[in-house]
C-alpha atoms as a PDB file:
ATOM      1  CA  UNK A   1      61.703  48.198  57.085  1.00  0.00           C
ATOM      2  CA  UNK A   2      58.692  48.479  54.786  1.00  0.00           C
ATOM      3  CA  UNK A   3      56.282  46.961  57.326  1.00  0.00           C
ATOM      4  CA  UNK A   4      57.601  49.293  60.028  1.00  0.00           C
ATOM      5  CA  UNK A   5      57.106  52.313  57.763  1.00  0.00           C
ATOM      6  CA  UNK A   6      53.564  51.254  56.889  1.00  0.00           C
ATOM      7  CA  UNK A   7      52.730  50.787  60.568  1.00  0.00           C
ATOM      8  CA  UNK A   8      54.134  54.223  61.439  1.00  0.00           C
ATOM      9  CA  UNK A   9      52.277  55.738  58.492  1.00  0.00           C
ATOM     10  CA  UNK A  10      49.052  54.092  59.620  1.00  0.00           C
ATOM     11  CA  UNK A  11      49.443  55.489  63.143  1.00  0.00           C
ATOM     12  CA  UNK A  12      50.242  58.950  61.798  1.00  0.00           C
ATOM     13  CA  UNK A  13      47.118  58.982  59.626  1.00  0.00           C
ATOM     14  CA  UNK A  14      45.033  57.794  62.569  1.00  0.00           C
ATOM     15  CA  UNK A  15      46.350  60.644  64.699  1.00  0.00           C
ATOM     16  CA  UNK A  16      45.995  63.369  62.040  1.00  0.00           C
ATOM     17  CA  UNK A  17      42.683  62.019  60.629  1.00  0.00           C
ATOM     18  CA  UNK A  18      43.374  63.452  57.143  1.00  0.00           C
ATOM     19  CA  UNK A  19      46.803  63.458  55.463  1.00  0.00           C
ATOM     20  CA  UNK A  20      47.903  64.361  51.938  1.00  0.00           C
ATOM     21  CA  UNK A  21      50.229  62.142  49.896  1.00  0.00           C
ATOM     22  CA  UNK A  22      52.724  65.000  49.672  1.00  0.00           C
ATOM     23  CA  UNK A  23      52.838  65.256  53.460  1.00  0.00           C
ATOM     24  CA  UNK A  24      53.551  61.525  53.750  1.00  0.00           C
ATOM     25  CA  UNK A  25      56.300  61.767  51.117  1.00  0.00           C
ATOM     26  CA  UNK A  26      58.011  64.549  53.039  1.00  0.00           C
ATOM     27  CA  UNK A  27      57.604  62.946  56.449  1.00  0.00           C
ATOM     28  CA  UNK A  28      58.804  59.452  55.494  1.00  0.00           C
ATOM     29  CA  UNK A  29      61.365  60.572  52.877  1.00  0.00           C
ATOM     30  CA  UNK A  30      60.038  58.307  50.134  1.00  0.00           C
ATOM     31  CA  UNK A  31      58.676  58.830  46.624  1.00  0.00           C
ATOM     32  CA  UNK A  32      55.012  59.433  45.866  1.00  0.00           C
ATOM     33  CA  UNK A  33      54.893  56.090  44.073  1.00  0.00           C
ATOM     34  CA  UNK A  34      56.084  54.357  47.269  1.00  0.00           C
ATOM     35  CA  UNK A  35      53.548  56.279  49.345  1.00  0.00           C
ATOM     36  CA  UNK A  36      50.752  55.220  46.994  1.00  0.00           C
ATOM     37  CA  UNK A  37      51.752  51.566  47.394  1.00  0.00           C
ATOM     38  CA  UNK A  38      51.886  51.923  51.183  1.00  0.00           C
ATOM     39  CA  UNK A  39      48.507  53.656  51.250  1.00  0.00           C
ATOM     40  CA  UNK A  40      47.023  50.847  49.148  1.00  0.00           C
ATOM     41  CA  UNK A  41      48.081  48.450  51.904  1.00  0.00           C
ATOM     42  CA  UNK A  42      46.754  50.683  54.678  1.00  0.00           C
ATOM     43  CA  UNK A  43      43.280  51.108  53.160  1.00  0.00           C
ATOM     44  CA  UNK A  44      42.861  47.333  53.205  1.00  0.00           C
ATOM     45  CA  UNK A  45      42.475  47.784  56.953  1.00  0.00           C
ATOM     46  CA  UNK A  46      39.159  48.862  58.417  1.00  0.00           C
ATOM     47  CA  UNK A  47      38.592  52.588  59.022  1.00  0.00           C
ATOM     48  CA  UNK A  48      41.019  53.963  56.391  1.00  0.00           C
ATOM     49  CA  UNK A  49      39.908  55.439  53.079  1.00  0.00           C
ATOM     50  CA  UNK A  50      41.607  57.018  50.087  1.00  0.00           C
ATOM     51  CA  UNK A  51      40.423  60.529  49.266  1.00  0.00           C
ATOM     52  CA  UNK A  52      41.440  63.008  46.592  1.00  0.00           C
ATOM     53  CA  UNK A  53      45.170  63.647  47.036  1.00  0.00           C
ATOM     54  CA  UNK A  54      45.469  61.763  50.305  1.00  0.00           C
ATOM     55  CA  UNK A  55      44.077  59.319  52.832  1.00  0.00           C
ATOM     56  CA  UNK A  56      41.933  59.627  55.944  1.00  0.00           C
ATOM     57  CA  UNK A  57      41.025  57.748  59.078  1.00  0.00           C
ATOM     58  CA  UNK A  58      37.303  57.098  59.486  1.00  0.00           C
ATOM     59  CA  UNK A  59      35.966  57.883  62.952  1.00  0.00           C
ATOM     60  CA  UNK A  60      33.813  55.089  64.380  1.00  0.00           C
ATOM     61  CA  UNK A  61      33.418  56.128  68.004  1.00  0.00           C
ATOM     62  CA  UNK A  62      30.804  58.683  68.978  1.00  0.00           C
ATOM     63  CA  UNK A  63      31.673  60.457  72.257  1.00  0.00           C
ATOM     64  CA  UNK A  64      28.871  60.982  74.795  1.00  0.00           C
ATOM     65  CA  UNK A  65      26.361  63.727  73.937  1.00  0.00           C
ATOM     66  CA  UNK A  66      27.324  65.820  76.969  1.00  0.00           C
ATOM     67  CA  UNK A  67      30.993  65.805  75.923  1.00  0.00           C
ATOM     68  CA  UNK A  68      30.218  66.766  72.313  1.00  0.00           C
ATOM     69  CA  UNK A  69      27.795  69.427  73.499  1.00  0.00           C
ATOM     70  CA  UNK A  70      30.574  71.448  75.151  1.00  0.00           C
ATOM     71  CA  UNK A  71      32.852  71.510  72.102  1.00  0.00           C
ATOM     72  CA  UNK A  72      32.918  74.781  70.093  1.00  0.00           C
ATOM     73  CA  UNK A  73      29.687  75.896  71.754  1.00  0.00           C
ATOM     74  CA  UNK A  74      29.684  79.470  70.397  1.00  0.00           C
ATOM     75  CA  UNK A  75      30.319  78.226  66.871  1.00  0.00           C
ATOM     76  CA  UNK A  76      27.417  75.797  67.123  1.00  0.00           C
ATOM     77  CA  UNK A  77      25.051  78.535  68.258  1.00  0.00           C
ATOM     78  CA  UNK A  78      26.169  80.818  65.415  1.00  0.00           C
ATOM     79  CA  UNK A  79      25.513  78.045  62.901  1.00  0.00           C
ATOM     80  CA  UNK A  80      22.085  77.359  64.406  1.00  0.00           C
ATOM     81  CA  UNK A  81      21.223  81.064  64.314  1.00  0.00           C
ATOM     82  CA  UNK A  82      22.086  81.249  60.607  1.00  0.00           C
ATOM     83  CA  UNK A  83      20.016  78.132  59.952  1.00  0.00           C
ATOM     84  CA  UNK A  84      17.026  79.728  61.679  1.00  0.00           C
ATOM     85  CA  UNK A  85      17.182  82.572  59.125  1.00  0.00           C
ATOM     86  CA  UNK A  86      16.242  80.051  56.413  1.00  0.00           C
ATOM     87  CA  UNK A  87      12.981  79.145  58.173  1.00  0.00           C
ATOM     88  CA  UNK A  88       9.866  81.012  57.065  1.00  0.00           C
ATOM     89  CA  UNK A  89       6.262  81.226  58.247  1.00  0.00           C
ATOM     90  CA  UNK A  90       4.240  78.031  57.563  1.00  0.00           C
ATOM     91  CA  UNK A  91       7.304  75.958  56.659  1.00  0.00           C
ATOM     92  CA  UNK A  92       7.296  72.227  57.334  1.00  0.00           C
ATOM     93  CA  UNK A  93      10.773  71.509  58.662  1.00  0.00           C
ATOM     94  CA  UNK A  94      12.759  68.595  60.015  1.00  0.00           C
ATOM     95  CA  UNK A  95      15.290  69.264  62.770  1.00  0.00           C
ATOM     96  CA  UNK A  96      17.810  66.479  63.215  1.00  0.00           C
ATOM     97  CA  UNK A  97      19.189  65.375  66.563  1.00  0.00           C
ATOM     98  CA  UNK A  98      22.586  66.925  67.179  1.00  0.00           C
ATOM     99  CA  UNK A  99      24.601  69.263  69.356  1.00  0.00           C
ATOM    100  CA  UNK A 100      24.256  72.084  66.796  1.00  0.00           C
ATOM    101  CA  UNK A 101      20.746  71.537  65.440  1.00  0.00           C
ATOM    102  CA  UNK A 102      19.361  71.525  69.000  1.00  0.00           C
ATOM    103  CA  UNK A 103      19.812  75.326  69.149  1.00  0.00           C
ATOM    104  CA  UNK A 104      17.783  76.229  66.030  1.00  0.00           C
ATOM    105  CA  UNK A 105      14.510  76.792  67.883  1.00  0.00           C
ATOM    106  CA  UNK A 106      16.272  79.210  70.260  1.00  0.00           C
ATOM    107  CA  UNK A 107      16.587  81.676  67.379  1.00  0.00           C
ATOM    108  CA  UNK A 108      13.078  81.405  65.938  1.00  0.00           C
ATOM    109  CA  UNK A 109      10.447  84.086  66.650  1.00  0.00           C
ATOM    110  CA  UNK A 110       8.316  82.935  69.563  1.00  0.00           C
ATOM    111  CA  UNK A 111       5.045  83.384  67.645  1.00  0.00           C
ATOM    112  CA  UNK A 112       6.145  81.850  64.318  1.00  0.00           C
ATOM    113  CA  UNK A 113       3.703  79.403  62.720  1.00  0.00           C
ATOM    114  CA  UNK A 114       5.284  76.265  61.333  1.00  0.00           C
ATOM    115  CA  UNK A 115       5.406  72.483  61.565  1.00  0.00           C
ATOM    116  CA  UNK A 116       8.430  70.866  63.176  1.00  0.00           C
ATOM    117  CA  UNK A 117       9.143  67.186  62.600  1.00  0.00           C
ATOM    118  CA  UNK A 118      11.862  65.799  64.841  1.00  0.00           C
ATOM    119  CA  UNK A 119      13.177  62.799  66.728  1.00  0.00           C
ATOM    120  CA  UNK A 120      15.368  64.923  69.012  1.00  0.00           C
ATOM    121  CA  UNK A 121      14.331  64.913  72.665  1.00  0.00           C
ATOM    122  CA  UNK A 122      15.855  68.362  73.210  1.00  0.00           C
ATOM    123  CA  UNK A 123      14.066  69.879  70.209  1.00  0.00           C
ATOM    124  CA  UNK A 124      10.800  68.224  71.275  1.00  0.00           C
ATOM    125  CA  UNK A 125      11.004  69.841  74.711  1.00  0.00           C
ATOM    126  CA  UNK A 126      11.757  73.282  73.245  1.00  0.00           C
ATOM    127  CA  UNK A 127       9.213  73.164  70.414  1.00  0.00           C
ATOM    128  CA  UNK A 128       6.476  72.019  72.797  1.00  0.00           C
ATOM    129  CA  UNK A 129       6.638  75.462  74.438  1.00  0.00           C
ATOM    130  CA  UNK A 130       6.147  77.366  71.160  1.00  0.00           C
ATOM    131  CA  UNK A 131       2.424  78.277  70.944  1.00  0.00           C
ATOM    132  CA  UNK A 132       2.000  78.201  67.149  1.00  0.00           C
ATOM    133  CA  UNK A 133       4.149  75.202  66.301  1.00  0.00           C
ATOM    134  CA  UNK A 134       2.614  71.935  65.172  1.00  0.00           C
ATOM    135  CA  UNK A 135       4.985  69.322  66.563  1.00  0.00           C
ATOM    136  CA  UNK A 136       5.314  65.884  64.970  1.00  0.00           C
ATOM    137  CA  UNK A 137       7.505  63.366  66.764  1.00  0.00           C
ATOM    138  CA  UNK A 138       8.434  59.812  65.866  1.00  0.00           C
ATOM    139  CA  UNK A 139      10.609  56.913  66.953  1.00  0.00           C
ATOM    140  CA  UNK A 140       9.761  54.123  69.358  1.00  0.00           C
ATOM    141  CA  UNK A 141      13.168  53.612  70.999  1.00  0.00           C
ATOM    142  CA  UNK A 142      15.138  56.227  72.938  1.00  0.00           C
ATOM    143  CA  UNK A 143      18.841  56.383  72.040  1.00  0.00           C
ATOM    144  CA  UNK A 144      20.662  57.936  74.987  1.00  0.00           C
ATOM    145  CA  UNK A 145      23.965  58.771  73.279  1.00  0.00           C
ATOM    146  CA  UNK A 146      22.256  61.056  70.752  1.00  0.00           C
ATOM    147  CA  UNK A 147      19.226  62.064  72.862  1.00  0.00           C
ATOM    148  CA  UNK A 148      17.013  60.922  70.004  1.00  0.00           C
ATOM    149  CA  UNK A 149      14.295  58.423  69.149  1.00  0.00           C
ATOM    150  CA  UNK A 150      14.971  55.758  66.522  1.00  0.00           C
ATOM    151  CA  UNK A 151      13.430  52.607  65.058  1.00  0.00           C
ATOM    152  CA  UNK A 152      12.195  50.967  61.856  1.00  0.00           C
ATOM    153  CA  UNK A 153       8.670  52.279  62.394  1.00  0.00           C
ATOM    154  CA  UNK A 154      10.062  55.819  62.512  1.00  0.00           C
ATOM    155  CA  UNK A 155      11.527  55.454  59.027  1.00  0.00           C
ATOM    156  CA  UNK A 156       8.196  54.245  57.628  1.00  0.00           C
ATOM    157  CA  UNK A 157       6.361  57.175  59.228  1.00  0.00           C
ATOM    158  CA  UNK A 158       8.792  59.688  57.733  1.00  0.00           C
ATOM    159  CA  UNK A 159       8.008  58.531  54.210  1.00  0.00           C
ATOM    160  CA  UNK A 160       4.477  59.961  54.561  1.00  0.00           C
ATOM    161  CA  UNK A 161       5.544  63.549  55.131  1.00  0.00           C
ATOM    162  CA  UNK A 162       6.414  66.268  52.633  1.00  0.00           C
ATOM    163  CA  UNK A 163       9.259  68.220  54.206  1.00  0.00           C
ATOM    164  CA  UNK A 164      10.075  71.720  52.966  1.00  0.00           C
ATOM    165  CA  UNK A 165      13.458  72.064  54.664  1.00  0.00           C
ATOM    166  CA  UNK A 166      15.635  69.636  56.611  1.00  0.00           C
ATOM    167  CA  UNK A 167      18.388  70.766  58.962  1.00  0.00           C
ATOM    168  CA  UNK A 168      20.822  67.897  59.346  1.00  0.00           C
ATOM    169  CA  UNK A 169      23.687  67.058  61.684  1.00  0.00           C
ATOM    170  CA  UNK A 170      26.764  65.042  60.681  1.00  0.00           C
ATOM    171  CA  UNK A 171      29.858  63.676  62.384  1.00  0.00           C
ATOM    172  CA  UNK A 172      31.975  64.353  59.301  1.00  0.00           C
ATOM    173  CA  UNK A 173      31.844  65.796  55.779  1.00  0.00           C
ATOM    174  CA  UNK A 174      33.981  64.905  52.781  1.00  0.00           C
ATOM    175  CA  UNK A 175      33.759  65.101  49.004  1.00  0.00           C
ATOM    176  CA  UNK A 176      34.195  61.327  48.733  1.00  0.00           C
ATOM    177  CA  UNK A 177      32.026  60.181  51.655  1.00  0.00           C
ATOM    178  CA  UNK A 178      29.502  63.019  51.802  1.00  0.00           C
ATOM    179  CA  UNK A 179      27.645  63.482  55.092  1.00  0.00           C
ATOM    180  CA  UNK A 180      28.539  60.663  57.442  1.00  0.00           C
ATOM    181  CA  UNK A 181      27.719  59.656  60.987  1.00  0.00           C
ATOM    182  CA  UNK A 182      29.506  57.717  63.707  1.00  0.00           C
ATOM    183  CA  UNK A 183      26.230  56.158  64.843  1.00  0.00           C
ATOM    184  CA  UNK A 184      24.729  53.701  62.361  1.00  0.00           C
ATOM    185  CA  UNK A 185      21.425  53.436  64.245  1.00  0.00           C
ATOM    186  CA  UNK A 186      20.250  56.772  62.806  1.00  0.00           C
ATOM    187  CA  UNK A 187      21.328  56.027  59.231  1.00  0.00           C
ATOM    188  CA  UNK A 188      17.927  55.056  57.799  1.00  0.00           C
ATOM    189  CA  UNK A 189      16.129  57.995  59.415  1.00  0.00           C
ATOM    190  CA  UNK A 190      18.623  60.532  58.089  1.00  0.00           C
ATOM    191  CA  UNK A 191      18.596  59.001  54.601  1.00  0.00           C
ATOM    192  CA  UNK A 192      14.794  59.008  54.511  1.00  0.00           C
ATOM    193  CA  UNK A 193      14.652  62.665  55.547  1.00  0.00           C
ATOM    194  CA  UNK A 194      17.098  63.766  52.840  1.00  0.00           C
ATOM    195  CA  UNK A 195      15.133  61.884  50.176  1.00  0.00           C
ATOM    196  CA  UNK A 196      11.831  63.489  51.266  1.00  0.00           C
ATOM    197  CA  UNK A 197      12.975  67.072  51.786  1.00  0.00           C
ATOM    198  CA  UNK A 198      12.753  69.783  49.120  1.00  0.00           C
ATOM    199  CA  UNK A 199      15.819  71.463  50.612  1.00  0.00           C
ATOM    200  CA  UNK A 200      18.464  69.957  52.862  1.00  0.00           C
ATOM    201  CA  UNK A 201      20.975  71.956  54.890  1.00  0.00           C
ATOM    202  CA  UNK A 202      23.970  70.422  56.667  1.00  0.00           C
ATOM    203  CA  UNK A 203      24.957  72.186  59.891  1.00  0.00           C
ATOM    204  CA  UNK A 204      28.604  71.328  60.504  1.00  0.00           C
ATOM    205  CA  UNK A 205      31.591  72.917  62.185  1.00  0.00           C
ATOM    206  CA  UNK A 206      34.586  73.520  59.925  1.00  0.00           C
ATOM    207  CA  UNK A 207      36.620  71.002  61.954  1.00  0.00           C
ATOM    208  CA  UNK A 208      34.449  68.228  60.467  1.00  0.00           C
ATOM    209  CA  UNK A 209      35.350  69.061  56.867  1.00  0.00           C
ATOM    210  CA  UNK A 210      37.568  66.604  55.017  1.00  0.00           C
ATOM    211  CA  UNK A 211      36.776  63.729  57.365  1.00  0.00           C
ATOM    212  CA  UNK A 212      34.706  60.557  57.196  1.00  0.00           C
ATOM    213  CA  UNK A 213      32.731  58.710  59.851  1.00  0.00           C
ATOM    214  CA  UNK A 214      31.298  55.202  59.912  1.00  0.00           C
ATOM    215  CA  UNK A 215      28.179  55.504  57.725  1.00  0.00           C
ATOM    216  CA  UNK A 216      27.341  57.834  54.816  1.00  0.00           C
ATOM    217  CA  UNK A 217      23.697  58.908  54.819  1.00  0.00           C
ATOM    218  CA  UNK A 218      23.845  61.476  51.983  1.00  0.00           C
ATOM    219  CA  UNK A 219      26.286  62.510  49.279  1.00  0.00           C
ATOM    220  CA  UNK A 220      27.071  66.194  48.905  1.00  0.00           C
ATOM    221  CA  UNK A 221      25.261  66.499  45.576  1.00  0.00           C
ATOM    222  CA  UNK A 222      22.045  65.493  47.396  1.00  0.00           C
ATOM    223  CA  UNK A 223      22.015  68.562  49.638  1.00  0.00           C
ATOM    224  CA  UNK A 224      21.280  72.229  48.986  1.00  0.00           C
ATOM    225  CA  UNK A 225      23.423  74.053  51.506  1.00  0.00           C
ATOM    226  CA  UNK A 226      26.181  73.817  54.096  1.00  0.00           C
ATOM    227  CA  UNK A 227      26.144  76.126  57.103  1.00  0.00           C
ATOM    228  CA  UNK A 228      29.485  76.300  58.885  1.00  0.00           C
ATOM    229  CA  UNK A 229      31.455  78.554  61.198  1.00  0.00           C
ATOM    230  CA  UNK A 230      34.689  79.222  59.298  1.00  0.00           C
ATOM    231  CA  UNK A 231      36.133  79.218  55.807  1.00  0.00           C
ATOM    232  CA  UNK A 232      36.482  75.746  54.332  1.00  0.00           C
ATOM    233  CA  UNK A 233      39.225  74.294  52.078  1.00  0.00           C
ATOM    234  CA  UNK A 234      39.269  75.692  48.540  1.00  0.00           C
ATOM    235  CA  UNK A 235      38.594  72.298  46.964  1.00  0.00           C
ATOM    236  CA  UNK A 236      35.305  72.151  48.890  1.00  0.00           C
ATOM    237  CA  UNK A 237      34.310  75.655  47.836  1.00  0.00           C
ATOM    238  CA  UNK A 238      34.920  74.704  44.199  1.00  0.00           C
ATOM    239  CA  UNK A 239      32.934  71.483  44.571  1.00  0.00           C
ATOM    240  CA  UNK A 240      29.984  73.274  46.159  1.00  0.00           C
ATOM    241  CA  UNK A 241      30.050  75.925  43.445  1.00  0.00           C
ATOM    242  CA  UNK A 242      30.122  73.301  40.675  1.00  0.00           C
ATOM    243  CA  UNK A 243      27.063  71.554  42.140  1.00  0.00           C
ATOM    244  CA  UNK A 244      25.176  74.770  43.012  1.00  0.00           C
ATOM    245  CA  UNK A 245      25.275  74.030  46.731  1.00  0.00           C
ATOM    246  CA  UNK A 246      24.934  77.149  48.877  1.00  0.00           C
ATOM    247  CA  UNK A 247      27.665  77.879  51.410  1.00  0.00           C
ATOM    248  CA  UNK A 248      26.837  79.951  54.493  1.00  0.00           C
ATOM    249  CA  UNK A 249      29.751  81.002  56.707  1.00  0.00           C
ATOM    250  CA  UNK A 250      28.785  82.467  60.067  1.00  0.00           C
END
């Protein structure tokens, strides 16, 4: 009976992605103490993690870029537009590869003077057409699923640059796991950028809040702002306020 309940609980968490202990108590008609014991067994498995007040399933599969690109398209453009407002003349910025960050240059003044550092093929193609942009690209290997360039040499190159503002993508965001990605090949690049940037902004849809992906590349207290499309859970608002992290809702 117990093993059956744990299996059903595991499958439920996998389906819902993030579940509170109270929800599990109500659904399986058991005490919170029993749920805690069951959860302790579940998190011994790969891809499950305890979070404040609950448990979550960690996404490990990154869908194709084209599929992700069509999800919540208007929300992504609104987030990118708000991010562009943070960019000023003569800034040195990093634009991450991602289905939201790719739109930032669409909302910049055509004649703006700035330096763009990027490993995103889409951003490279757009920035190359901007007459007053100094474009710095890096990465020796093309990664098709993220339309980006990666590699150990790229990480070493990044360490030379002083970045004013970094605009980062993430597969998931949580208080426990921070900014995480489903693709571990970009981990070192993202981590290096965050460590070198004076200000770091995470561009994430609200549907990614309270979730974890395969690899954490930055904890929330390492960033300066989150730009999202809808209101986020109260516990996240309180956390951001406590750590003086700006929240921009489009």
